[in-house]
Amino acid sequence: MAFVKQSFSNAPVFASVGLSLSNNRKLPMNMSGLLSFIHPAGLPFIAAAVVLTVALALFGGVPFLLALIILSWVVYFFRDPKRITPVRPGLVVAPADGRVILIADVVPDKDLGLGEDPRTRISIFLNVFDVHVNRSPVDGEVVHTHYRPGKFVNASLDKASVDNERNALALVMNGDHPYAGQKIGVVQIAGLIARRILCTAKPQDKLKAGERFGMIRFGSRTDIYLPQGMKPLVCIGQRMIGGETILADCTSQEPARVGEAR
């Protein structure tokens, strides 16, 4: 009986203001709450899906069911949940949701203006079911942005960092830690399906770690270039939560981590 009580105490429960999740986040159920849960870039797509659903409701059957599925997926794709970002100075958080597919020392993308010395690049692949909002990995000031059109090859391939449409963002890190004043780079990369990169950050903007700065529509990848000497605290294959997962720590002396599937 005690086990049953414990199970119910940890289960999701409905409340008048929304659906309380196991991690204490709430999914808003009223219209104003729903709109705050959706990224503004998705509103035109959701509106189009609503029109399609209403139109096909006249026919019913399979077409209407398919329209409902499309509408549900579009709303789900453009969700923009709040995140709890660790705020200790020197922490580098994931700029996107997704899975780490590559960690390598490479010469940074020229569009970042970070020089030609190799840096550790962490590549995060976002599938069409991941949250596609991009967030600043650190507290810092934007010093450079550069958009480049390109191809739309599979974002999980290494050549996507060179060939695909992308937007580069360089920030100077601030805070009380050894890497203050050094640059860190983030690159938004369009994928096989993605056709539009959104970036609201511009030079001289000051961003906080975890703060939203853009979005990539419909499947993509996000690369982050760490300052020289900084070691990643994640492994290939790990799942990232944008704005929450710690990628690196400016004050850490820990060597690069190695992981294995178990």
Protein backbone atom coordinates (compact mmCIF):
# COMPACT_ATOMS: atom_id res chain seq x y z
CA MET A 1 0.00 0.00 0.00
CA ALA A 2 2.87 2.37 0.74
CA PHE A 3 4.25 1.64 -2.72
CA VAL A 4 0.93 2.62 -4.32
CA LYS A 5 0.87 5.91 -2.44
CA GLN A 6 4.42 6.71 -3.50
CA SER A 7 3.59 5.95 -7.16
CA PHE A 8 0.66 8.33 -7.13
CA SER A 9 2.64 11.06 -5.39
CA ASN A 10 5.18 11.07 -8.22
CA ALA A 11 2.69 10.76 -11.07
CA PRO A 12 1.65 13.74 -13.22
CA VAL A 13 -1.52 15.42 -11.97
CA PHE A 14 -3.98 17.79 -13.56
CA ALA A 15 -4.34 21.26 -12.09
CA SER A 16 -6.62 24.15 -12.97
CA VAL A 17 -3.76 26.06 -14.58
CA GLY A 18 -2.23 23.24 -16.55
CA LEU A 19 -0.71 19.79 -16.60
CA SER A 20 1.97 19.45 -13.94
CA LEU A 21 4.87 17.32 -15.17
CA SER A 22 7.24 15.17 -13.11
CA ASN A 23 9.98 17.80 -13.40
CA ASN A 24 7.63 20.47 -11.98
CA ARG A 25 7.12 22.20 -15.32
CA LYS A 26 3.55 23.00 -16.30
CA LEU A 27 2.01 22.69 -19.73
CA PRO A 28 -0.42 25.63 -19.99
CA MET A 29 -3.96 24.67 -20.89
CA ASN A 30 -5.53 28.12 -21.46
CA MET A 31 -4.98 30.07 -24.68
CA SER A 32 -2.63 32.73 -23.28
CA GLY A 33 -0.55 30.02 -21.64
CA LEU A 34 -0.50 27.99 -24.85
CA LEU A 35 0.75 30.96 -26.87
CA SER A 36 3.54 31.55 -24.36
CA PHE A 37 4.53 27.90 -24.81
CA ILE A 38 4.86 28.34 -28.62
CA HIS A 39 7.75 30.10 -30.37
CA PRO A 40 6.41 33.12 -32.36
CA ALA A 41 8.06 31.76 -35.52
CA GLY A 42 5.59 28.89 -35.46
CA LEU A 43 2.39 30.91 -35.38
CA PRO A 44 2.03 31.26 -39.20
CA PHE A 45 2.58 27.52 -39.64
CA ILE A 46 0.08 26.70 -36.90
CA ALA A 47 -2.47 29.07 -38.42
CA ALA A 48 -2.08 27.38 -41.81
CA ALA A 49 -2.48 23.96 -40.20
CA VAL A 50 -5.63 25.13 -38.39
CA VAL A 51 -7.15 26.39 -41.66
CA LEU A 52 -6.33 23.07 -43.33
CA THR A 53 -7.86 21.12 -40.44
CA VAL A 54 -11.07 23.17 -40.45
CA ALA A 55 -11.39 22.81 -44.22
CA LEU A 56 -10.92 19.03 -44.13
CA ALA A 57 -13.31 18.72 -41.20
CA LEU A 58 -16.09 19.15 -43.77
CA PHE A 59 -15.04 15.87 -45.38
CA GLY A 60 -14.21 13.94 -42.22
CA GLY A 61 -12.60 10.54 -42.36
CA VAL A 62 -8.94 9.99 -43.16
CA PRO A 63 -8.20 13.49 -44.59
CA PHE A 64 -9.45 15.14 -41.39
CA LEU A 65 -7.48 12.70 -39.23
CA LEU A 66 -4.30 13.43 -41.20
CA ALA A 67 -4.90 17.18 -40.82
CA LEU A 68 -5.25 16.76 -37.05
CA ILE A 69 -1.98 14.82 -36.95
CA ILE A 70 -0.21 17.55 -38.95
CA LEU A 71 -1.63 20.28 -36.70
CA SER A 72 -0.56 18.42 -33.57
CA TRP A 73 2.95 17.90 -34.90
CA VAL A 74 3.37 21.56 -35.94
CA VAL A 75 2.29 22.75 -32.48
CA TYR A 76 4.64 20.21 -30.89
CA PHE A 77 7.57 21.20 -33.12
CA PHE A 78 7.34 24.91 -32.32
CA ARG A 79 7.07 24.43 -28.56
CA ASP A 80 9.34 26.69 -26.54
CA PRO A 81 9.45 25.41 -22.96
CA LYS A 82 11.10 27.29 -20.14
CA ARG A 83 14.43 25.91 -19.00
CA ILE A 84 16.24 26.07 -15.65
CA THR A 85 19.77 27.26 -16.48
CA PRO A 86 22.67 26.76 -14.02
CA VAL A 87 23.98 30.25 -13.29
CA ARG A 88 27.38 29.72 -11.67
CA PRO A 89 30.06 31.81 -13.48
CA GLY A 90 32.10 29.81 -15.96
CA LEU A 91 29.54 27.17 -16.90
CA VAL A 92 28.94 26.50 -20.60
CA VAL A 93 25.47 25.11 -21.33
CA ALA A 94 24.10 23.35 -24.38
CA PRO A 95 22.90 25.81 -27.06
CA ALA A 96 20.30 23.34 -28.32
CA ASP A 97 18.38 20.17 -27.58
CA GLY A 98 19.50 17.03 -29.38
CA ARG A 99 22.18 14.36 -29.42
CA VAL A 100 25.94 14.91 -29.46
CA ILE A 101 27.15 13.34 -32.70
CA LEU A 102 30.70 14.69 -32.99
CA ILE A 103 33.42 16.00 -30.68
CA ALA A 104 36.62 16.92 -32.49
CA ASP A 105 39.46 19.44 -32.57
CA VAL A 106 39.04 21.37 -35.80
CA VAL A 107 39.85 24.76 -37.32
CA PRO A 108 36.81 26.96 -36.61
CA ASP A 109 34.38 28.00 -39.30
CA LYS A 110 35.88 31.09 -40.97
CA ASP A 111 32.56 32.89 -40.59
CA LEU A 112 33.11 32.97 -36.82
CA GLY A 113 36.29 35.03 -36.96
CA LEU A 114 37.97 32.87 -34.31
CA GLY A 115 41.29 32.44 -36.08
CA GLU A 116 42.88 29.34 -37.58
CA ASP A 117 44.06 27.52 -34.45
CA PRO A 118 42.11 24.29 -33.76
CA ARG A 119 39.38 24.34 -31.13
CA THR A 120 37.16 21.64 -29.70
CA ARG A 121 33.90 21.53 -31.64
CA ILE A 122 30.83 19.86 -30.14
CA SER A 123 28.14 19.08 -32.71
CA ILE A 124 24.53 18.57 -31.58
CA PHE A 125 22.06 17.02 -34.03
CA LEU A 126 18.40 17.96 -33.69
CA ASN A 127 15.80 15.62 -35.16
CA VAL A 128 12.31 16.82 -36.07
CA PHE A 129 10.99 15.92 -32.62
CA ASP A 130 13.51 18.01 -30.66
CA VAL A 131 12.92 21.57 -29.44
CA HIS A 132 14.56 23.74 -32.11
CA VAL A 133 15.07 26.92 -30.11
CA ASN A 134 18.73 27.99 -29.80
CA ARG A 135 20.08 29.42 -26.55
CA SER A 136 23.27 31.23 -25.60
CA PRO A 137 25.82 28.84 -24.08
CA VAL A 138 27.41 31.50 -21.85
CA ASP A 139 27.06 34.94 -20.36
CA GLY A 140 28.69 37.18 -22.93
CA GLU A 141 28.52 39.88 -25.57
CA VAL A 142 27.86 39.16 -29.23
CA VAL A 143 30.80 40.49 -31.24
CA HIS A 144 30.15 38.93 -34.62
CA THR A 145 27.37 37.31 -36.67
CA HIS A 146 27.49 36.02 -40.22
CA TYR A 147 24.83 34.28 -42.32
CA ARG A 148 25.83 32.12 -45.27
CA PRO A 149 23.44 30.39 -47.69
CA GLY A 150 24.33 26.86 -48.69
CA LYS A 151 23.15 23.33 -49.33
CA PHE A 152 20.78 21.18 -47.30
CA VAL A 153 22.62 17.88 -46.88
CA ASN A 154 21.92 15.65 -43.90
CA ALA A 155 22.91 17.68 -40.81
CA SER A 156 24.33 14.59 -39.11
CA LEU A 157 27.15 14.43 -41.68
CA ASP A 158 30.45 16.13 -40.86
CA LYS A 159 30.46 18.05 -44.17
CA ALA A 160 27.27 19.83 -43.09
CA SER A 161 29.49 22.18 -41.06
CA VAL A 162 31.02 23.39 -44.32
CA ASP A 163 28.41 22.90 -47.05
CA ASN A 164 25.05 23.72 -45.46
CA GLU A 165 23.20 26.97 -44.94
CA ARG A 166 24.34 28.34 -41.60
CA ASN A 167 24.52 31.31 -39.28
CA ALA A 168 27.65 31.91 -37.17
CA LEU A 169 27.65 33.75 -33.85
CA ALA A 170 30.73 34.70 -31.81
CA LEU A 171 30.54 35.89 -28.21
CA VAL A 172 33.12 37.29 -25.80
CA MET A 173 32.67 35.52 -22.48
CA ASN A 174 32.28 37.55 -19.31
CA GLY A 175 32.17 36.65 -15.64
CA ASP A 176 34.57 35.75 -12.86
CA HIS A 177 36.46 32.80 -14.37
CA PRO A 178 39.77 32.10 -16.19
CA TYR A 179 38.25 32.32 -19.69
CA ALA A 180 36.66 35.76 -19.26
CA GLY A 181 37.41 37.90 -22.30
CA GLN A 182 37.89 34.92 -24.62
CA LYS A 183 35.63 34.09 -27.54
CA ILE A 184 33.27 31.17 -27.96
CA GLY A 185 31.47 30.34 -31.19
CA VAL A 186 28.04 28.92 -32.02
CA VAL A 187 26.91 27.93 -35.52
CA GLN A 188 23.29 27.25 -36.46
CA ILE A 189 23.24 24.78 -39.36
CA ALA A 190 20.24 23.94 -41.53
CA GLY A 191 19.55 20.28 -42.17
CA LEU A 192 18.02 18.09 -44.85
CA ILE A 193 14.52 19.42 -44.19
CA ALA A 194 15.28 22.82 -42.66
CA ARG A 195 14.93 25.82 -44.91
CA ARG A 196 15.11 28.79 -42.59
CA ILE A 197 17.49 29.88 -39.85
CA LEU A 198 16.28 32.57 -37.47
CA CYS A 199 18.70 34.62 -35.36
CA THR A 200 17.62 37.60 -33.27
CA ALA A 201 21.06 38.34 -31.80
CA LYS A 202 23.24 41.08 -33.26
CA PRO A 203 26.64 42.56 -32.42
CA GLN A 204 26.81 44.38 -29.07
CA ASP A 205 23.88 42.39 -27.69
CA LYS A 206 24.58 41.05 -24.21
CA LEU A 207 23.21 37.56 -23.65
CA LYS A 208 22.86 35.49 -20.51
CA ALA A 209 23.55 31.76 -20.51
CA GLY A 210 20.38 29.97 -21.57
CA GLU A 211 18.86 33.07 -23.16
CA ARG A 212 17.09 32.44 -26.48
CA PHE A 213 18.75 33.89 -29.57
CA GLY A 214 17.25 32.00 -32.49
CA MET A 215 15.64 28.95 -34.01
CA ILE A 216 16.14 26.55 -36.92
CA ARG A 217 13.04 25.17 -38.59
CA PHE A 218 12.47 21.47 -39.21
CA GLY A 219 15.58 19.44 -38.41
CA SER A 220 19.05 20.87 -37.98
CA ARG A 221 22.37 20.92 -36.16
CA THR A 222 24.13 23.29 -33.79
CA ASP A 223 27.92 23.44 -33.43
CA ILE A 224 29.74 25.08 -30.53
CA TYR A 225 33.46 25.93 -30.60
CA LEU A 226 35.02 26.03 -27.14
CA PRO A 227 37.93 28.34 -26.27
CA GLN A 228 41.35 26.74 -26.60
CA GLY A 229 42.24 24.60 -23.61
CA MET A 230 38.66 24.07 -22.43
CA LYS A 231 37.67 20.40 -22.17
CA PRO A 232 34.17 19.09 -22.94
CA LEU A 233 32.27 17.43 -20.10
CA VAL A 234 29.92 15.51 -22.42
CA CYS A 235 30.37 12.43 -24.60
CA ILE A 236 29.28 11.42 -28.09
CA GLY A 237 25.79 9.97 -27.96
CA GLN A 238 24.58 11.94 -24.95
CA ARG A 239 21.24 13.74 -25.10
CA MET A 240 21.36 17.51 -24.55
CA ILE A 241 18.76 19.83 -23.05
CA GLY A 242 19.29 23.33 -24.40
CA GLY A 243 19.99 25.87 -21.70
CA GLU A 244 20.35 23.19 -19.00
CA THR A 245 22.94 20.53 -19.84
CA ILE A 246 26.48 21.60 -18.87
CA LEU A 247 28.87 21.15 -21.81
CA ALA A 248 32.00 22.51 -20.14
CA ASP A 249 33.22 24.35 -17.05
CA CYS A 250 35.75 27.19 -17.23
CA THR A 251 36.99 26.35 -13.74
CA SER A 252 37.29 22.60 -14.19
CA GLN A 253 40.60 20.74 -14.43
CA GLU A 254 38.88 17.51 -15.43
CA PRO A 255 40.14 15.90 -18.66
CA ALA A 256 37.79 15.29 -21.59
CA ARG A 257 35.27 12.64 -20.66
CA VAL A 258 34.90 9.27 -22.36
CA GLY A 259 31.58 7.43 -22.32
CA GLU A 260 30.18 4.08 -23.33
CA ALA A 261 26.68 2.76 -23.94
CA ARG A 262 25.40 0.50 -21.16
